[in-house]
Amino acid sequence: MTAPIKQSIDGRSPVLRMADAVAAIIRVGDRGFLMQLRDARPDIWYPAAWGCFGGAVEPGESPVEALRRELREELELEIGEATSVSRFEFDLRASDMARCYRAYFLVEIDEAHLIQLVLHEGARMAVLSYDDLGGAMPVTPYDAFALHLHCAGQTGALAR
């Protein structure tokens, strides 16, 4: 569900819109996670920050179908298995925006697949360690949280 784009109060910059979205936590062997440095554009959430690859779910698409399409469009990556790892629900109706979700999937690739990728969206891509992402690098908050939950779950830190 996508809210329409409106002009901001100042009349110059666009108000950002919310939509159902998917994102891939792309693990490259033991090296780390393939991340995208987002473009420095004022019409996107968290410009010039590192984030996961993915994007909006189109009408009629399932989350996995959207993930496959987005990874093809952004990286020319054809994926096999994608494991659901988390889903965040946002209820922003009090701010005159929509209810929406962001679903995360784990996608594992090897070095052979990594070197074949072609970046079509974003300023650049890089394989970053969990420690790199937890440092002073700007990372989109919801992607940072999803990565933290995933990594903590892998080490048993979330188990009680």
N, C-alpha and C. Protein backbone atom coordinates (compact mmCIF):
# COMPACT_ATOMS: atom_id res chain seq x y z
N MET A 1 0.86 -1.16 0.00
CA MET A 1 0.00 0.00 0.00
C MET A 1 0.91 1.23 0.00
N THR A 2 0.78 2.07 -0.99
CA THR A 2 1.65 3.23 -1.15
C THR A 2 0.84 4.51 -0.95
N ALA A 3 1.38 5.39 -0.12
CA ALA A 3 0.74 6.70 0.06
C ALA A 3 1.20 7.60 -1.07
N PRO A 4 0.37 8.53 -1.51
CA PRO A 4 0.78 9.42 -2.60
C PRO A 4 1.90 10.35 -2.17
N ILE A 5 2.71 10.77 -3.14
CA ILE A 5 3.76 11.75 -2.87
C ILE A 5 3.11 13.13 -2.82
N LYS A 6 3.42 13.88 -1.79
CA LYS A 6 2.89 15.23 -1.64
C LYS A 6 4.08 16.18 -1.48
N GLN A 7 3.82 17.43 -1.61
CA GLN A 7 4.86 18.42 -1.36
C GLN A 7 4.98 18.65 0.15
N SER A 8 6.17 18.95 0.60
CA SER A 8 6.40 19.23 2.01
C SER A 8 5.83 20.60 2.36
N ILE A 9 5.91 20.92 3.62
CA ILE A 9 5.40 22.19 4.11
C ILE A 9 6.10 23.36 3.42
N ASP A 10 7.41 23.21 3.15
CA ASP A 10 8.13 24.31 2.50
C ASP A 10 7.80 24.42 1.01
N GLY A 11 7.08 23.42 0.45
CA GLY A 11 6.66 23.47 -0.94
C GLY A 11 7.74 23.12 -1.95
N ARG A 12 8.95 22.82 -1.49
CA ARG A 12 10.05 22.53 -2.42
C ARG A 12 10.43 21.06 -2.43
N SER A 13 10.59 20.46 -1.28
CA SER A 13 11.05 19.08 -1.22
C SER A 13 9.86 18.13 -1.10
N PRO A 14 9.98 16.93 -1.69
CA PRO A 14 8.86 15.99 -1.61
C PRO A 14 8.73 15.38 -0.22
N VAL A 15 7.51 15.06 0.16
CA VAL A 15 7.28 14.30 1.37
C VAL A 15 7.53 12.84 1.00
N LEU A 16 8.29 12.16 1.80
CA LEU A 16 8.61 10.77 1.49
C LEU A 16 7.39 9.89 1.68
N ARG A 17 7.28 8.86 0.88
CA ARG A 17 6.14 7.95 0.97
C ARG A 17 6.57 6.62 1.58
N MET A 18 5.59 5.93 2.09
CA MET A 18 5.82 4.61 2.67
C MET A 18 5.11 3.57 1.82
N ALA A 19 5.68 2.38 1.75
CA ALA A 19 5.08 1.29 1.00
C ALA A 19 5.54 -0.03 1.61
N ASP A 20 4.76 -1.08 1.38
CA ASP A 20 5.23 -2.41 1.75
C ASP A 20 6.53 -2.66 1.00
N ALA A 21 7.50 -3.25 1.69
CA ALA A 21 8.81 -3.43 1.07
C ALA A 21 9.46 -4.72 1.54
N VAL A 22 10.45 -5.14 0.78
CA VAL A 22 11.25 -6.32 1.10
C VAL A 22 12.72 -5.93 1.07
N ALA A 23 13.53 -6.69 1.78
CA ALA A 23 14.96 -6.43 1.79
C ALA A 23 15.70 -7.76 1.96
N ALA A 24 16.87 -7.84 1.36
CA ALA A 24 17.69 -9.04 1.43
C ALA A 24 18.89 -8.81 2.34
N ILE A 25 19.02 -9.67 3.32
CA ILE A 25 20.27 -9.75 4.09
C ILE A 25 21.12 -10.73 3.30
N ILE A 26 22.04 -10.19 2.50
CA ILE A 26 22.84 -11.02 1.59
C ILE A 26 24.16 -11.34 2.29
N ARG A 27 24.29 -12.60 2.68
CA ARG A 27 25.52 -13.03 3.35
C ARG A 27 26.46 -13.64 2.31
N VAL A 28 27.70 -13.15 2.31
CA VAL A 28 28.72 -13.62 1.37
C VAL A 28 29.69 -14.48 2.16
N GLY A 29 29.39 -15.77 2.22
CA GLY A 29 30.22 -16.71 2.97
C GLY A 29 30.46 -16.21 4.38
N ASP A 30 31.71 -16.27 4.82
CA ASP A 30 32.09 -15.78 6.15
C ASP A 30 32.59 -14.34 6.11
N ARG A 31 32.62 -13.73 4.92
CA ARG A 31 33.18 -12.37 4.78
C ARG A 31 32.30 -11.30 5.38
N GLY A 32 31.00 -11.44 5.26
CA GLY A 32 30.11 -10.39 5.75
C GLY A 32 28.86 -10.29 4.92
N PHE A 33 28.33 -9.08 4.83
CA PHE A 33 27.04 -8.84 4.18
C PHE A 33 27.22 -7.86 3.02
N LEU A 34 26.59 -8.19 1.90
CA LEU A 34 26.63 -7.29 0.75
C LEU A 34 25.64 -6.17 1.00
N MET A 35 26.14 -4.95 1.03
CA MET A 35 25.32 -3.78 1.34
C MET A 35 25.40 -2.77 0.20
N GLN A 36 24.40 -1.91 0.16
CA GLN A 36 24.29 -0.86 -0.85
C GLN A 36 24.46 0.50 -0.18
N LEU A 37 25.33 1.34 -0.74
CA LEU A 37 25.39 2.73 -0.31
C LEU A 37 24.30 3.45 -1.10
N ARG A 38 23.29 3.91 -0.40
CA ARG A 38 22.14 4.52 -1.05
C ARG A 38 22.53 5.84 -1.72
N ASP A 39 21.84 6.16 -2.79
CA ASP A 39 22.09 7.43 -3.49
C ASP A 39 21.84 8.60 -2.54
N ALA A 40 22.49 9.71 -2.80
CA ALA A 40 22.31 10.93 -2.00
C ALA A 40 21.21 11.78 -2.62
N ARG A 41 19.98 11.24 -2.60
CA ARG A 41 18.82 11.92 -3.20
C ARG A 41 17.85 12.33 -2.10
N PRO A 42 17.27 13.51 -2.18
CA PRO A 42 16.34 13.96 -1.14
C PRO A 42 14.98 13.27 -1.17
N ASP A 43 14.69 12.53 -2.24
CA ASP A 43 13.37 11.91 -2.35
C ASP A 43 13.35 10.45 -1.89
N ILE A 44 14.41 10.00 -1.20
CA ILE A 44 14.42 8.65 -0.65
C ILE A 44 14.71 8.69 0.83
N TRP A 45 14.29 7.65 1.54
CA TRP A 45 14.57 7.54 2.96
C TRP A 45 16.06 7.24 3.15
N TYR A 46 16.68 7.88 4.09
CA TYR A 46 18.08 7.66 4.48
C TYR A 46 19.06 7.73 3.31
N PRO A 47 19.09 8.87 2.64
CA PRO A 47 20.06 9.02 1.53
C PRO A 47 21.49 8.94 2.05
N ALA A 48 22.38 8.44 1.21
CA ALA A 48 23.81 8.33 1.50
C ALA A 48 24.11 7.48 2.73
N ALA A 49 23.24 6.54 3.04
CA ALA A 49 23.47 5.60 4.14
C ALA A 49 23.57 4.19 3.55
N TRP A 50 24.22 3.31 4.27
CA TRP A 50 24.32 1.92 3.85
C TRP A 50 23.03 1.20 4.21
N GLY A 51 22.58 0.31 3.34
CA GLY A 51 21.37 -0.45 3.59
C GLY A 51 21.36 -1.75 2.82
N CYS A 52 20.34 -2.52 3.08
CA CYS A 52 20.13 -3.78 2.38
C CYS A 52 19.53 -3.52 1.00
N PHE A 53 19.77 -4.43 0.08
CA PHE A 53 19.15 -4.34 -1.23
C PHE A 53 17.70 -4.78 -1.12
N GLY A 54 16.83 -4.15 -1.90
CA GLY A 54 15.42 -4.49 -1.90
C GLY A 54 14.60 -3.30 -2.33
N GLY A 55 13.29 -3.38 -2.08
CA GLY A 55 12.44 -2.26 -2.48
C GLY A 55 10.98 -2.59 -2.31
N ALA A 56 10.16 -1.77 -2.92
CA ALA A 56 8.70 -1.84 -2.75
C ALA A 56 8.10 -3.09 -3.37
N VAL A 57 7.06 -3.57 -2.72
CA VAL A 57 6.27 -4.69 -3.23
C VAL A 57 5.21 -4.10 -4.16
N GLU A 58 5.17 -4.58 -5.40
CA GLU A 58 4.20 -4.10 -6.38
C GLU A 58 2.85 -4.78 -6.15
N PRO A 59 1.76 -4.14 -6.58
CA PRO A 59 0.43 -4.76 -6.43
C PRO A 59 0.40 -6.15 -7.07
N GLY A 60 -0.14 -7.12 -6.33
CA GLY A 60 -0.25 -8.48 -6.82
C GLY A 60 0.97 -9.35 -6.59
N GLU A 61 2.07 -8.79 -6.12
CA GLU A 61 3.28 -9.56 -5.86
C GLU A 61 3.28 -10.10 -4.44
N SER A 62 3.84 -11.27 -4.28
CA SER A 62 4.12 -11.77 -2.93
C SER A 62 5.45 -11.15 -2.51
N PRO A 63 5.77 -11.16 -1.22
CA PRO A 63 7.06 -10.63 -0.81
C PRO A 63 8.25 -11.32 -1.48
N VAL A 64 8.20 -12.63 -1.64
CA VAL A 64 9.32 -13.35 -2.27
C VAL A 64 9.42 -12.97 -3.75
N GLU A 65 8.29 -12.82 -4.43
CA GLU A 65 8.32 -12.38 -5.83
C GLU A 65 8.93 -10.99 -5.94
N ALA A 66 8.57 -10.10 -5.03
CA ALA A 66 9.13 -8.75 -5.03
C ALA A 66 10.64 -8.79 -4.78
N LEU A 67 11.07 -9.64 -3.84
CA LEU A 67 12.50 -9.77 -3.55
C LEU A 67 13.25 -10.23 -4.79
N ARG A 68 12.74 -11.26 -5.45
CA ARG A 68 13.40 -11.76 -6.66
C ARG A 68 13.50 -10.67 -7.73
N ARG A 69 12.41 -9.91 -7.94
CA ARG A 69 12.40 -8.84 -8.94
C ARG A 69 13.40 -7.74 -8.57
N GLU A 70 13.36 -7.31 -7.32
CA GLU A 70 14.26 -6.23 -6.89
C GLU A 70 15.72 -6.62 -7.04
N LEU A 71 16.08 -7.84 -6.66
CA LEU A 71 17.48 -8.27 -6.76
C LEU A 71 17.92 -8.42 -8.21
N ARG A 72 16.99 -8.83 -9.09
CA ARG A 72 17.31 -8.85 -10.53
C ARG A 72 17.56 -7.44 -11.03
N GLU A 73 16.65 -6.50 -10.67
CA GLU A 73 16.76 -5.12 -11.15
C GLU A 73 17.99 -4.41 -10.60
N GLU A 74 18.28 -4.60 -9.33
CA GLU A 74 19.36 -3.84 -8.69
C GLU A 74 20.74 -4.45 -8.89
N LEU A 75 20.83 -5.79 -9.00
CA LEU A 75 22.13 -6.45 -9.02
C LEU A 75 22.31 -7.48 -10.14
N GLU A 76 21.26 -7.76 -10.91
CA GLU A 76 21.27 -8.88 -11.85
C GLU A 76 21.52 -10.19 -11.12
N LEU A 77 20.99 -10.28 -9.91
CA LEU A 77 21.15 -11.48 -9.07
C LEU A 77 19.89 -12.33 -9.17
N GLU A 78 20.08 -13.56 -9.61
CA GLU A 78 19.00 -14.55 -9.62
C GLU A 78 19.20 -15.42 -8.39
N ILE A 79 18.21 -15.43 -7.52
CA ILE A 79 18.37 -16.16 -6.26
C ILE A 79 17.63 -17.48 -6.29
N GLY A 80 18.14 -18.42 -5.53
CA GLY A 80 17.47 -19.69 -5.31
C GLY A 80 16.61 -19.54 -4.07
N GLU A 81 17.13 -19.99 -2.97
CA GLU A 81 16.38 -19.96 -1.72
C GLU A 81 16.51 -18.60 -1.03
N ALA A 82 15.41 -18.15 -0.45
CA ALA A 82 15.40 -16.94 0.38
C ALA A 82 14.63 -17.30 1.64
N THR A 83 15.30 -17.21 2.78
CA THR A 83 14.70 -17.61 4.05
C THR A 83 14.19 -16.38 4.77
N SER A 84 12.92 -16.39 5.14
CA SER A 84 12.34 -15.28 5.90
C SER A 84 13.01 -15.20 7.27
N VAL A 85 13.48 -13.97 7.63
CA VAL A 85 14.14 -13.82 8.93
C VAL A 85 13.45 -12.83 9.86
N SER A 86 12.78 -11.85 9.33
CA SER A 86 12.05 -10.91 10.19
C SER A 86 11.10 -10.07 9.33
N ARG A 87 10.17 -9.45 10.02
CA ARG A 87 9.21 -8.57 9.34
C ARG A 87 8.82 -7.48 10.34
N PHE A 88 8.98 -6.24 9.94
CA PHE A 88 8.63 -5.11 10.79
C PHE A 88 7.34 -4.48 10.26
N GLU A 89 6.43 -4.19 11.15
CA GLU A 89 5.16 -3.55 10.80
C GLU A 89 5.23 -2.09 11.25
N PHE A 90 4.84 -1.18 10.37
CA PHE A 90 4.83 0.25 10.66
C PHE A 90 3.40 0.77 10.54
N ASP A 91 2.89 1.37 11.59
CA ASP A 91 1.57 1.99 11.54
C ASP A 91 1.78 3.49 11.68
N LEU A 92 1.78 4.18 10.55
CA LEU A 92 2.07 5.61 10.50
C LEU A 92 0.84 6.44 10.17
N ARG A 93 -0.33 5.87 10.41
CA ARG A 93 -1.56 6.58 10.07
C ARG A 93 -1.71 7.87 10.88
N ALA A 94 -1.18 7.92 12.09
CA ALA A 94 -1.26 9.15 12.89
C ALA A 94 -0.46 10.29 12.25
N SER A 95 0.50 9.94 11.39
CA SER A 95 1.30 10.93 10.67
C SER A 95 0.80 11.13 9.24
N ASP A 96 -0.45 10.73 8.99
CA ASP A 96 -1.07 10.87 7.67
C ASP A 96 -0.34 10.04 6.61
N MET A 97 0.19 8.89 7.04
CA MET A 97 0.83 7.95 6.13
C MET A 97 0.14 6.60 6.28
N ALA A 98 0.61 5.64 5.54
CA ALA A 98 -0.03 4.32 5.50
C ALA A 98 0.52 3.36 6.55
N ARG A 99 -0.19 2.28 6.71
CA ARG A 99 0.34 1.11 7.42
C ARG A 99 1.14 0.34 6.38
N CYS A 100 2.28 -0.17 6.75
CA CYS A 100 3.07 -0.94 5.81
C CYS A 100 4.03 -1.85 6.56
N TYR A 101 4.71 -2.71 5.83
CA TYR A 101 5.67 -3.62 6.43
C TYR A 101 6.97 -3.60 5.65
N ARG A 102 8.01 -4.11 6.27
CA ARG A 102 9.31 -4.34 5.62
C ARG A 102 9.72 -5.75 6.01
N ALA A 103 9.76 -6.66 5.03
CA ALA A 103 10.08 -8.06 5.27
C ALA A 103 11.52 -8.34 4.86
N TYR A 104 12.24 -9.05 5.72
CA TYR A 104 13.65 -9.36 5.48
C TYR A 104 13.82 -10.84 5.20
N PHE A 105 14.70 -11.13 4.23
CA PHE A 105 15.00 -12.50 3.84
C PHE A 105 16.50 -12.69 3.81
N LEU A 106 16.97 -13.84 4.26
CA LEU A 106 18.38 -14.19 4.16
C LEU A 106 18.63 -14.82 2.80
N VAL A 107 19.63 -14.29 2.10
CA VAL A 107 20.08 -14.82 0.81
C VAL A 107 21.57 -15.05 0.95
N GLU A 108 22.00 -16.26 0.66
CA GLU A 108 23.43 -16.57 0.77
C GLU A 108 24.02 -16.73 -0.62
N ILE A 109 25.16 -16.06 -0.84
CA ILE A 109 25.87 -16.18 -2.12
C ILE A 109 27.34 -16.45 -1.83
N ASP A 110 28.03 -16.95 -2.86
CA ASP A 110 29.45 -17.19 -2.73
C ASP A 110 30.23 -16.17 -3.55
N GLU A 111 31.55 -16.27 -3.48
CA GLU A 111 32.41 -15.32 -4.20
C GLU A 111 32.18 -15.35 -5.71
N ALA A 112 31.91 -16.53 -6.26
CA ALA A 112 31.68 -16.64 -7.70
C ALA A 112 30.47 -15.82 -8.13
N HIS A 113 29.41 -15.83 -7.32
CA HIS A 113 28.23 -15.02 -7.63
C HIS A 113 28.51 -13.54 -7.40
N LEU A 114 29.26 -13.24 -6.35
CA LEU A 114 29.56 -11.85 -6.01
C LEU A 114 30.23 -11.11 -7.16
N ILE A 115 31.22 -11.73 -7.78
CA ILE A 115 31.97 -11.03 -8.83
C ILE A 115 31.17 -10.86 -10.12
N GLN A 116 30.05 -11.57 -10.25
CA GLN A 116 29.20 -11.44 -11.43
C GLN A 116 28.13 -10.36 -11.28
N LEU A 117 27.96 -9.80 -10.10
CA LEU A 117 26.89 -8.84 -9.87
C LEU A 117 27.18 -7.52 -10.57
N VAL A 118 26.12 -6.89 -11.05
CA VAL A 118 26.20 -5.59 -11.71
C VAL A 118 25.30 -4.63 -10.95
N LEU A 119 25.87 -3.58 -10.40
CA LEU A 119 25.11 -2.61 -9.61
C LEU A 119 24.33 -1.67 -10.53
N HIS A 120 23.01 -1.65 -10.36
CA HIS A 120 22.15 -0.76 -11.15
C HIS A 120 21.47 0.30 -10.30
N GLU A 121 21.56 0.19 -8.99
CA GLU A 121 20.91 1.17 -8.12
C GLU A 121 21.80 1.39 -6.91
N GLY A 122 21.95 2.65 -6.53
CA GLY A 122 22.81 3.00 -5.41
C GLY A 122 24.14 3.53 -5.89
N ALA A 123 24.87 4.16 -4.97
CA ALA A 123 26.16 4.76 -5.30
C ALA A 123 27.26 3.71 -5.44
N ARG A 124 27.16 2.66 -4.61
CA ARG A 124 28.13 1.56 -4.68
C ARG A 124 27.66 0.41 -3.82
N MET A 125 28.39 -0.69 -3.89
CA MET A 125 28.12 -1.85 -3.05
C MET A 125 29.42 -2.31 -2.44
N ALA A 126 29.33 -2.98 -1.30
CA ALA A 126 30.51 -3.50 -0.63
C ALA A 126 30.10 -4.61 0.32
N VAL A 127 31.02 -5.55 0.53
CA VAL A 127 30.81 -6.57 1.54
C VAL A 127 31.37 -6.02 2.84
N LEU A 128 30.51 -5.91 3.84
CA LEU A 128 30.88 -5.31 5.12
C LEU A 128 30.63 -6.31 6.24
N SER A 129 31.51 -6.28 7.22
CA SER A 129 31.33 -7.16 8.37
C SER A 129 30.28 -6.56 9.31
N TYR A 130 29.78 -7.37 10.19
CA TYR A 130 28.82 -6.90 11.20
C TYR A 130 29.47 -5.80 12.04
N ASP A 131 30.74 -5.97 12.37
CA ASP A 131 31.45 -4.94 13.15
C ASP A 131 31.57 -3.63 12.39
N ASP A 132 31.84 -3.71 11.08
CA ASP A 132 31.88 -2.49 10.25
C ASP A 132 30.57 -1.73 10.35
N LEU A 133 29.47 -2.47 10.23
CA LEU A 133 28.15 -1.85 10.22
C LEU A 133 27.75 -1.28 11.58
N GLY A 134 28.35 -1.78 12.63
CA GLY A 134 28.05 -1.28 13.97
C GLY A 134 28.90 -0.10 14.37
N GLY A 135 29.82 0.30 13.53
CA GLY A 135 30.72 1.41 13.86
C GLY A 135 30.12 2.75 13.50
N ALA A 136 30.94 3.62 12.97
CA ALA A 136 30.52 5.00 12.67
C ALA A 136 29.87 5.15 11.30
N MET A 137 29.72 4.05 10.57
CA MET A 137 29.11 4.13 9.24
C MET A 137 27.63 4.48 9.36
N PRO A 138 27.12 5.34 8.49
CA PRO A 138 25.66 5.58 8.50
C PRO A 138 24.95 4.37 7.90
N VAL A 139 24.04 3.78 8.67
CA VAL A 139 23.27 2.61 8.22
C VAL A 139 21.80 2.92 8.45
N THR A 140 20.94 2.55 7.50
CA THR A 140 19.51 2.77 7.70
C THR A 140 19.09 2.05 8.98
N PRO A 141 18.35 2.73 9.85
CA PRO A 141 18.04 2.15 11.17
C PRO A 141 17.31 0.82 11.12
N TYR A 142 16.32 0.68 10.24
CA TYR A 142 15.58 -0.59 10.24
C TYR A 142 16.44 -1.72 9.70
N ASP A 143 17.34 -1.44 8.74
CA ASP A 143 18.23 -2.48 8.24
C ASP A 143 19.27 -2.86 9.31
N ALA A 144 19.78 -1.87 10.03
CA ALA A 144 20.72 -2.15 11.11
C ALA A 144 20.07 -3.04 12.16
N PHE A 145 18.81 -2.76 12.50
CA PHE A 145 18.11 -3.56 13.50
C PHE A 145 17.89 -4.99 12.99
N ALA A 146 17.49 -5.14 11.73
CA ALA A 146 17.28 -6.47 11.16
C ALA A 146 18.58 -7.27 11.15
N LEU A 147 19.69 -6.62 10.78
CA LEU A 147 20.99 -7.29 10.79
C LEU A 147 21.39 -7.68 12.21
N HIS A 148 21.13 -6.79 13.16
CA HIS A 148 21.44 -7.09 14.56
C HIS A 148 20.64 -8.30 15.03
N LEU A 149 19.35 -8.32 14.76
CA LEU A 149 18.51 -9.45 15.16
C LEU A 149 19.00 -10.74 14.52
N HIS A 150 19.34 -10.67 13.24
CA HIS A 150 19.83 -11.86 12.54
C HIS A 150 21.14 -12.36 13.15
N CYS A 151 22.10 -11.47 13.34
CA CYS A 151 23.40 -11.87 13.87
C CYS A 151 23.31 -12.33 15.31
N ALA A 152 22.50 -11.66 16.12
CA ALA A 152 22.34 -12.08 17.52
C ALA A 152 21.66 -13.44 17.58
N GLY A 153 20.72 -13.68 16.68
CA GLY A 153 20.05 -14.97 16.64
C GLY A 153 21.01 -16.10 16.24
N GLN A 154 21.97 -15.78 15.36
CA GLN A 154 22.94 -16.78 14.93
C GLN A 154 23.89 -17.17 16.05
N THR A 155 24.18 -16.23 16.95
CA THR A 155 25.10 -16.52 18.05
C THR A 155 24.38 -17.02 19.29
N GLY A 156 23.06 -17.06 19.25
CA GLY A 156 22.30 -17.51 20.41
C GLY A 156 22.05 -16.43 21.41
N ALA A 157 22.45 -15.17 21.10
CA ALA A 157 22.29 -14.08 22.06
C ALA A 157 20.83 -13.76 22.32
N LEU A 158 19.93 -14.13 21.42
CA LEU A 158 18.52 -13.86 21.63
C LEU A 158 17.81 -14.99 22.36
N ALA A 159 18.45 -16.14 22.45
CA ALA A 159 17.82 -17.28 23.11
C ALA A 159 17.78 -17.07 24.62
N ARG A 160 16.72 -17.51 25.22
CA ARG A 160 16.60 -17.42 26.69
C ARG A 160 16.28 -18.78 27.24
